[in-house]
Each structure stands twice: as C-alpha cells, then as structure tokens.
Amino acid sequence: MLVRLRRTSQFIAVTTFGNRHDENLLIERVKNIHLLVSGVDNYSQPYAASHPCLLT
C-alpha cells in the first residue's frame, strides 16, 4: 500500500510541479499500466481500468 501511495504522490507532484518531459513520461507509464488492469466487479460486470468512464 505504501508503494502505491508513493507512486501516486510522485505522479501528483510531477504533473503539478515538474517539467513537460517528465510529466509526459509518467502519464504514458500510467496509461500503459491501466491497459493491463481489468477484471470483474462485485456485480459480475467486466471492467477495464483504461475505460474512459473510469479514468474520469
């Protein structure tokens, strides 16, 4: 859990205060990770972390 918190904090810090290059690298990394995350929710409905509704 602490690793995820650290990564989230880094993402927020870089996208808020970092330079454009580092920001774009992190955004692409998160997009690629989201492409790998999918499953079934508690209501037996499939989901994918890359789905636009879940990203907002």
N, C-alpha and C. Protein backbone atom coordinates (compact mmCIF):
# COMPACT_ATOMS: atom_id res chain seq x y z
N MET A 1 0.83 -1.19 0.00
CA MET A 1 0.00 0.00 0.00
C MET A 1 0.87 1.26 0.00
N LEU A 2 1.97 1.24 0.74
CA LEU A 2 2.84 2.41 0.77
C LEU A 2 3.50 2.68 -0.57
N VAL A 3 3.77 1.61 -1.32
CA VAL A 3 4.37 1.79 -2.65
C VAL A 3 3.39 2.52 -3.56
N ARG A 4 2.13 2.11 -3.50
CA ARG A 4 1.11 2.77 -4.34
C ARG A 4 0.95 4.23 -3.94
N LEU A 5 0.95 4.51 -2.65
CA LEU A 5 0.84 5.89 -2.17
C LEU A 5 2.03 6.72 -2.65
N ARG A 6 3.22 6.12 -2.60
CA ARG A 6 4.42 6.83 -3.05
C ARG A 6 4.33 7.14 -4.54
N ARG A 7 3.89 6.17 -5.34
CA ARG A 7 3.77 6.38 -6.78
C ARG A 7 2.72 7.43 -7.10
N THR A 8 1.60 7.38 -6.39
CA THR A 8 0.54 8.38 -6.61
C THR A 8 1.03 9.76 -6.23
N SER A 9 1.73 9.88 -5.11
CA SER A 9 2.28 11.17 -4.68
C SER A 9 3.29 11.69 -5.69
N GLN A 10 4.12 10.80 -6.23
CA GLN A 10 5.09 11.21 -7.24
C GLN A 10 4.38 11.71 -8.49
N PHE A 11 3.34 11.00 -8.91
CA PHE A 11 2.59 11.40 -10.10
C PHE A 11 1.99 12.79 -9.91
N ILE A 12 1.36 13.02 -8.77
CA ILE A 12 0.76 14.32 -8.49
C ILE A 12 1.82 15.42 -8.46
N ALA A 13 2.93 15.16 -7.80
CA ALA A 13 3.99 16.16 -7.70
C ALA A 13 4.58 16.50 -9.06
N VAL A 14 4.87 15.47 -9.86
CA VAL A 14 5.49 15.72 -11.17
C VAL A 14 4.52 16.40 -12.12
N THR A 15 3.25 15.95 -12.14
CA THR A 15 2.31 16.57 -13.06
C THR A 15 1.89 17.97 -12.62
N THR A 16 2.11 18.29 -11.35
CA THR A 16 1.78 19.63 -10.86
C THR A 16 2.98 20.58 -10.96
N PHE A 17 4.16 20.10 -10.57
CA PHE A 17 5.32 20.98 -10.46
C PHE A 17 6.47 20.63 -11.40
N GLY A 18 6.40 19.50 -12.07
CA GLY A 18 7.52 19.05 -12.90
C GLY A 18 7.52 19.68 -14.28
N ASN A 19 8.54 19.29 -15.03
CA ASN A 19 8.64 19.80 -16.40
C ASN A 19 7.81 18.92 -17.35
N ARG A 20 7.57 19.43 -18.53
CA ARG A 20 6.72 18.78 -19.52
C ARG A 20 7.21 17.38 -19.87
N HIS A 21 8.50 17.23 -20.04
CA HIS A 21 9.07 15.93 -20.44
C HIS A 21 8.78 14.86 -19.38
N ASP A 22 9.09 15.15 -18.12
CA ASP A 22 8.86 14.18 -17.04
C ASP A 22 7.37 13.90 -16.86
N GLU A 23 6.57 14.94 -17.01
CA GLU A 23 5.12 14.79 -16.90
C GLU A 23 4.60 13.81 -17.95
N ASN A 24 5.01 14.00 -19.19
CA ASN A 24 4.55 13.12 -20.27
C ASN A 24 5.01 11.68 -20.08
N LEU A 25 6.23 11.49 -19.57
CA LEU A 25 6.72 10.14 -19.31
C LEU A 25 5.85 9.42 -18.28
N LEU A 26 5.51 10.11 -17.20
CA LEU A 26 4.69 9.50 -16.17
C LEU A 26 3.27 9.23 -16.65
N ILE A 27 2.71 10.14 -17.41
CA ILE A 27 1.36 9.94 -17.94
C ILE A 27 1.33 8.71 -18.84
N GLU A 28 2.32 8.55 -19.70
CA GLU A 28 2.37 7.38 -20.57
C GLU A 28 2.55 6.10 -19.77
N ARG A 29 3.35 6.16 -18.71
CA ARG A 29 3.55 4.98 -17.86
C ARG A 29 2.22 4.55 -17.22
N VAL A 30 1.46 5.52 -16.72
CA VAL A 30 0.17 5.21 -16.09
C VAL A 30 -0.81 4.66 -17.13
N LYS A 31 -0.84 5.25 -18.31
CA LYS A 31 -1.73 4.75 -19.37
C LYS A 31 -1.40 3.29 -19.70
N ASN A 32 -0.12 2.97 -19.80
CA ASN A 32 0.28 1.61 -20.13
C ASN A 32 -0.08 0.63 -19.02
N ILE A 33 0.05 1.04 -17.78
CA ILE A 33 -0.34 0.18 -16.66
C ILE A 33 -1.84 -0.05 -16.68
N HIS A 34 -2.61 1.00 -16.95
CA HIS A 34 -4.07 0.86 -16.99
C HIS A 34 -4.53 -0.10 -18.08
N LEU A 35 -3.78 -0.21 -19.16
CA LEU A 35 -4.13 -1.16 -20.21
C LEU A 35 -4.08 -2.60 -19.73
N LEU A 36 -3.31 -2.87 -18.70
CA LEU A 36 -3.14 -4.23 -18.18
C LEU A 36 -4.14 -4.59 -17.09
N VAL A 37 -4.86 -3.60 -16.57
CA VAL A 37 -5.75 -3.83 -15.43
C VAL A 37 -7.18 -4.03 -15.91
N SER A 38 -7.71 -5.20 -15.63
CA SER A 38 -9.11 -5.50 -15.96
C SER A 38 -9.59 -6.59 -15.01
N GLY A 39 -10.89 -6.78 -14.99
CA GLY A 39 -11.43 -7.81 -14.11
C GLY A 39 -12.94 -7.79 -14.12
N VAL A 40 -13.51 -8.31 -13.04
CA VAL A 40 -14.95 -8.39 -12.87
C VAL A 40 -15.28 -7.76 -11.52
N ASP A 41 -16.27 -6.87 -11.51
CA ASP A 41 -16.63 -6.21 -10.25
C ASP A 41 -17.54 -7.08 -9.39
N ASN A 42 -17.99 -6.55 -8.27
CA ASN A 42 -18.83 -7.30 -7.33
C ASN A 42 -20.18 -7.68 -7.92
N TYR A 43 -20.57 -7.06 -9.02
CA TYR A 43 -21.84 -7.35 -9.67
C TYR A 43 -21.65 -8.22 -10.92
N SER A 44 -20.50 -8.84 -11.02
CA SER A 44 -20.13 -9.72 -12.14
C SER A 44 -20.07 -8.98 -13.47
N GLN A 45 -19.83 -7.69 -13.42
CA GLN A 45 -19.69 -6.89 -14.63
C GLN A 45 -18.20 -6.71 -14.94
N PRO A 46 -17.81 -6.92 -16.18
CA PRO A 46 -16.41 -6.73 -16.54
C PRO A 46 -16.04 -5.24 -16.51
N TYR A 47 -14.79 -4.97 -16.19
CA TYR A 47 -14.30 -3.60 -16.23
C TYR A 47 -12.86 -3.60 -16.71
N ALA A 48 -12.44 -2.45 -17.18
CA ALA A 48 -11.05 -2.24 -17.58
C ALA A 48 -10.62 -0.87 -17.07
N ALA A 49 -9.47 -0.78 -16.47
CA ALA A 49 -9.00 0.48 -15.91
C ALA A 49 -8.77 1.53 -17.00
N SER A 50 -8.64 1.10 -18.23
CA SER A 50 -8.42 2.04 -19.32
C SER A 50 -9.72 2.60 -19.92
N HIS A 51 -10.86 2.14 -19.41
CA HIS A 51 -12.14 2.63 -19.93
C HIS A 51 -12.28 4.10 -19.60
N PRO A 52 -12.67 4.93 -20.57
CA PRO A 52 -12.76 6.39 -20.36
C PRO A 52 -13.62 6.81 -19.16
N CYS A 53 -14.70 6.09 -18.88
CA CYS A 53 -15.54 6.45 -17.73
C CYS A 53 -14.82 6.27 -16.41
N LEU A 54 -13.95 5.29 -16.33
CA LEU A 54 -13.21 5.05 -15.09
C LEU A 54 -12.04 6.00 -14.93
N LEU A 55 -11.56 6.55 -16.03
CA LEU A 55 -10.43 7.48 -15.96
C LEU A 55 -10.85 8.86 -15.48
N THR A 56 -12.12 9.19 -15.59
CA THR A 56 -12.59 10.49 -15.12
C THR A 56 -13.11 10.31 -13.73
